[in-house]
Amino acid sequence: MTNGNPLPDNTPEHIDPLRDVYHESFIDNPAHSDFLVNRHTALLCIDLQYLDAAPDHGVFRDAATAGIPSQEYAYYFERLSSMVLPNVHKLQESFRAHNLEVIHT
């Protein structure tokens, strides 16, 4: 955050500051691979619905009168459409390609 901007800087550290930790904790642990190979893993997709993941629907039906600043609204949906949803889609495709379960709530 800089110059009073409430949004995080678009730097790798702000995008995922723990990426190396996640990578090491998953990749370097053989038990995690065994869970995948033995089908003891599922992808759980939570709250990717109209309530909070679609502009002008659910909690964002009338963002202006709900007091959601336009800059924050734009940032939220830009990140959702450019990062979150494409990556969830990639994960879903990969799990399905490997006959692993995908669960939606």
C-alpha atoms as a PDB file:
ATOM      1  CA  MET A   1       0.000   0.000   0.000  1.00  0.00           C
ATOM      2  CA  THR A   2       1.431   3.309  -1.011  1.00  0.00           C
ATOM      3  CA  ASN A   3       0.432   6.950  -1.151  1.00  0.00           C
ATOM      4  CA  GLY A   4      -2.804   6.352   0.739  1.00  0.00           C
ATOM      5  CA  ASN A   5      -3.936   3.772  -1.819  1.00  0.00           C
ATOM      6  CA  PRO A   6      -5.917   1.100   0.075  1.00  0.00           C
ATOM      7  CA  LEU A   7      -5.102  -1.515  -2.553  1.00  0.00           C
ATOM      8  CA  PRO A   8      -1.959  -3.653  -2.335  1.00  0.00           C
ATOM      9  CA  ASP A   9       0.949  -3.061  -4.650  1.00  0.00           C
ATOM     10  CA  ASN A  10       0.952  -5.385  -7.644  1.00  0.00           C
ATOM     11  CA  THR A  11       4.292  -6.977  -6.828  1.00  0.00           C
ATOM     12  CA  PRO A  12       5.072 -10.694  -6.497  1.00  0.00           C
ATOM     13  CA  GLU A  13       5.462 -10.293  -2.728  1.00  0.00           C
ATOM     14  CA  HIS A  14       1.939  -8.935  -2.466  1.00  0.00           C
ATOM     15  CA  ILE A  15       0.450 -11.422  -4.892  1.00  0.00           C
ATOM     16  CA  ASP A  16       1.610 -14.438  -2.874  1.00  0.00           C
ATOM     17  CA  PRO A  17       4.254 -13.746  -0.243  1.00  0.00           C
ATOM     18  CA  LEU A  18       4.254 -17.381   0.941  1.00  0.00           C
ATOM     19  CA  ARG A  19       4.599 -19.058  -2.454  1.00  0.00           C
ATOM     20  CA  ASP A  20       7.945 -20.662  -1.596  1.00  0.00           C
ATOM     21  CA  VAL A  21       6.546 -21.994   1.676  1.00  0.00           C
ATOM     22  CA  TYR A  22       3.507 -23.530  -0.061  1.00  0.00           C
ATOM     23  CA  HIS A  23       5.692 -25.061  -2.771  1.00  0.00           C
ATOM     24  CA  GLU A  24       8.112 -26.567  -0.272  1.00  0.00           C
ATOM     25  CA  SER A  25       5.403 -27.858   2.045  1.00  0.00           C
ATOM     26  CA  PHE A  26       3.589 -29.636  -0.778  1.00  0.00           C
ATOM     27  CA  ILE A  27       6.198 -30.637  -3.340  1.00  0.00           C
ATOM     28  CA  ASP A  28       8.889 -31.747  -0.915  1.00  0.00           C
ATOM     29  CA  ASN A  29       6.563 -33.960   1.110  1.00  0.00           C
ATOM     30  CA  PRO A  30       6.173 -37.438  -0.478  1.00  0.00           C
ATOM     31  CA  ALA A  31       3.049 -38.114   1.594  1.00  0.00           C
ATOM     32  CA  HIS A  32       1.210 -35.395  -0.319  1.00  0.00           C
ATOM     33  CA  SER A  33       1.986 -37.071  -3.639  1.00  0.00           C
ATOM     34  CA  ASP A  34       0.817 -40.392  -2.197  1.00  0.00           C
ATOM     35  CA  PHE A  35      -2.530 -38.831  -1.253  1.00  0.00           C
ATOM     36  CA  LEU A  36      -2.995 -37.637  -4.831  1.00  0.00           C
ATOM     37  CA  VAL A  37      -1.895 -40.907  -6.419  1.00  0.00           C
ATOM     38  CA  ASN A  38      -4.123 -42.961  -4.108  1.00  0.00           C
ATOM     39  CA  ARG A  39      -7.145 -40.709  -4.735  1.00  0.00           C
ATOM     40  CA  HIS A  40      -7.403 -39.467  -1.148  1.00  0.00           C
ATOM     41  CA  THR A  41      -7.654 -35.847  -2.271  1.00  0.00           C
ATOM     42  CA  ALA A  42     -10.530 -33.739  -3.577  1.00  0.00           C
ATOM     43  CA  LEU A  43     -10.781 -30.124  -4.694  1.00  0.00           C
ATOM     44  CA  LEU A  44     -13.340 -28.213  -2.638  1.00  0.00           C
ATOM     45  CA  CYS A  45     -14.628 -25.069  -4.395  1.00  0.00           C
ATOM     46  CA  ILE A  46     -16.359 -22.817  -1.876  1.00  0.00           C
ATOM     47  CA  ASP A  47     -18.576 -19.778  -2.526  1.00  0.00           C
ATOM     48  CA  LEU A  48     -17.996 -19.312  -6.258  1.00  0.00           C
ATOM     49  CA  GLN A  49     -21.571 -18.256  -6.857  1.00  0.00           C
ATOM     50  CA  TYR A  50     -23.796 -15.333  -7.718  1.00  0.00           C
ATOM     51  CA  LEU A  51     -24.026 -14.278  -4.066  1.00  0.00           C
ATOM     52  CA  ASP A  52     -20.483 -12.903  -3.946  1.00  0.00           C
ATOM     53  CA  ALA A  53     -18.719 -13.694  -7.227  1.00  0.00           C
ATOM     54  CA  ALA A  54     -20.891 -11.960  -9.827  1.00  0.00           C
ATOM     55  CA  PRO A  55     -21.106  -8.203 -10.424  1.00  0.00           C
ATOM     56  CA  ASP A  56     -24.584  -6.748  -9.912  1.00  0.00           C
ATOM     57  CA  HIS A  57     -25.853  -9.888  -8.159  1.00  0.00           C
ATOM     58  CA  GLY A  58     -26.198 -11.018  -4.559  1.00  0.00           C
ATOM     59  CA  VAL A  59     -24.329  -8.798  -2.124  1.00  0.00           C
ATOM     60  CA  PHE A  60     -23.178  -6.654  -5.057  1.00  0.00           C
ATOM     61  CA  ARG A  61     -26.669  -6.143  -6.529  1.00  0.00           C
ATOM     62  CA  ASP A  62     -26.594  -2.449  -5.666  1.00  0.00           C
ATOM     63  CA  ALA A  63     -23.016  -1.744  -4.641  1.00  0.00           C
ATOM     64  CA  ALA A  64     -23.390   2.030  -4.832  1.00  0.00           C
ATOM     65  CA  THR A  65     -26.166   2.240  -2.241  1.00  0.00           C
ATOM     66  CA  ALA A  66     -24.548  -0.514  -0.153  1.00  0.00           C
ATOM     67  CA  GLY A  67     -21.592   1.789   0.457  1.00  0.00           C
ATOM     68  CA  ILE A  68     -19.004  -0.206  -1.481  1.00  0.00           C
ATOM     69  CA  PRO A  69     -16.481   2.264  -2.940  1.00  0.00           C
ATOM     70  CA  SER A  70     -16.222   1.943  -6.715  1.00  0.00           C
ATOM     71  CA  GLN A  71     -12.429   1.521  -6.590  1.00  0.00           C
ATOM     72  CA  GLU A  72     -12.702  -1.444  -4.221  1.00  0.00           C
ATOM     73  CA  TYR A  73     -15.577  -2.949  -6.232  1.00  0.00           C
ATOM     74  CA  ALA A  74     -13.503  -2.707  -9.420  1.00  0.00           C
ATOM     75  CA  TYR A  75     -10.419  -4.184  -7.721  1.00  0.00           C
ATOM     76  CA  TYR A  76     -12.384  -7.094  -6.247  1.00  0.00           C
ATOM     77  CA  PHE A  77     -13.944  -8.113  -9.565  1.00  0.00           C
ATOM     78  CA  GLU A  78     -10.767  -7.525 -11.559  1.00  0.00           C
ATOM     79  CA  ARG A  79      -8.841  -9.895  -9.279  1.00  0.00           C
ATOM     80  CA  LEU A  80     -11.696 -12.362  -9.292  1.00  0.00           C
ATOM     81  CA  SER A  81     -11.915 -12.453 -13.093  1.00  0.00           C
ATOM     82  CA  SER A  82      -8.194 -12.228 -13.861  1.00  0.00           C
ATOM     83  CA  MET A  83      -6.758 -14.493 -11.147  1.00  0.00           C
ATOM     84  CA  VAL A  84      -9.193 -16.382  -8.959  1.00  0.00           C
ATOM     85  CA  LEU A  85     -11.642 -17.822 -11.490  1.00  0.00           C
ATOM     86  CA  PRO A  86      -9.047 -18.775 -14.151  1.00  0.00           C
ATOM     87  CA  ASN A  87      -6.919 -20.530 -11.525  1.00  0.00           C
ATOM     88  CA  VAL A  88      -9.911 -22.338 -10.038  1.00  0.00           C
ATOM     89  CA  HIS A  89     -10.794 -23.451 -13.577  1.00  0.00           C
ATOM     90  CA  LYS A  90      -7.239 -24.760 -14.117  1.00  0.00           C
ATOM     91  CA  LEU A  91      -7.389 -26.662 -10.839  1.00  0.00           C
ATOM     92  CA  GLN A  92     -10.780 -28.149 -11.718  1.00  0.00           C
ATOM     93  CA  GLU A  93      -9.566 -29.234 -15.158  1.00  0.00           C
ATOM     94  CA  SER A  94      -6.447 -30.811 -13.690  1.00  0.00           C
ATOM     95  CA  PHE A  95      -8.335 -32.677 -10.977  1.00  0.00           C
ATOM     96  CA  ARG A  96     -10.899 -33.967 -13.482  1.00  0.00           C
ATOM     97  CA  ALA A  97      -8.174 -34.978 -15.948  1.00  0.00           C
ATOM     98  CA  HIS A  98      -6.664 -37.115 -13.189  1.00  0.00           C
ATOM     99  CA  ASN A  99     -10.046 -38.535 -12.123  1.00  0.00           C
ATOM    100  CA  LEU A 100      -9.926 -36.712  -8.796  1.00  0.00           C
ATOM    101  CA  GLU A 101     -13.111 -35.428  -7.220  1.00  0.00           C
ATOM    102  CA  VAL A 102     -14.238 -31.795  -7.543  1.00  0.00           C
ATOM    103  CA  ILE A 103     -16.784 -30.681  -4.938  1.00  0.00           C
ATOM    104  CA  HIS A 104     -18.809 -27.438  -5.038  1.00  0.00           C
ATOM    105  CA  THR A 105     -20.500 -25.840  -2.034  1.00  0.00           C
END
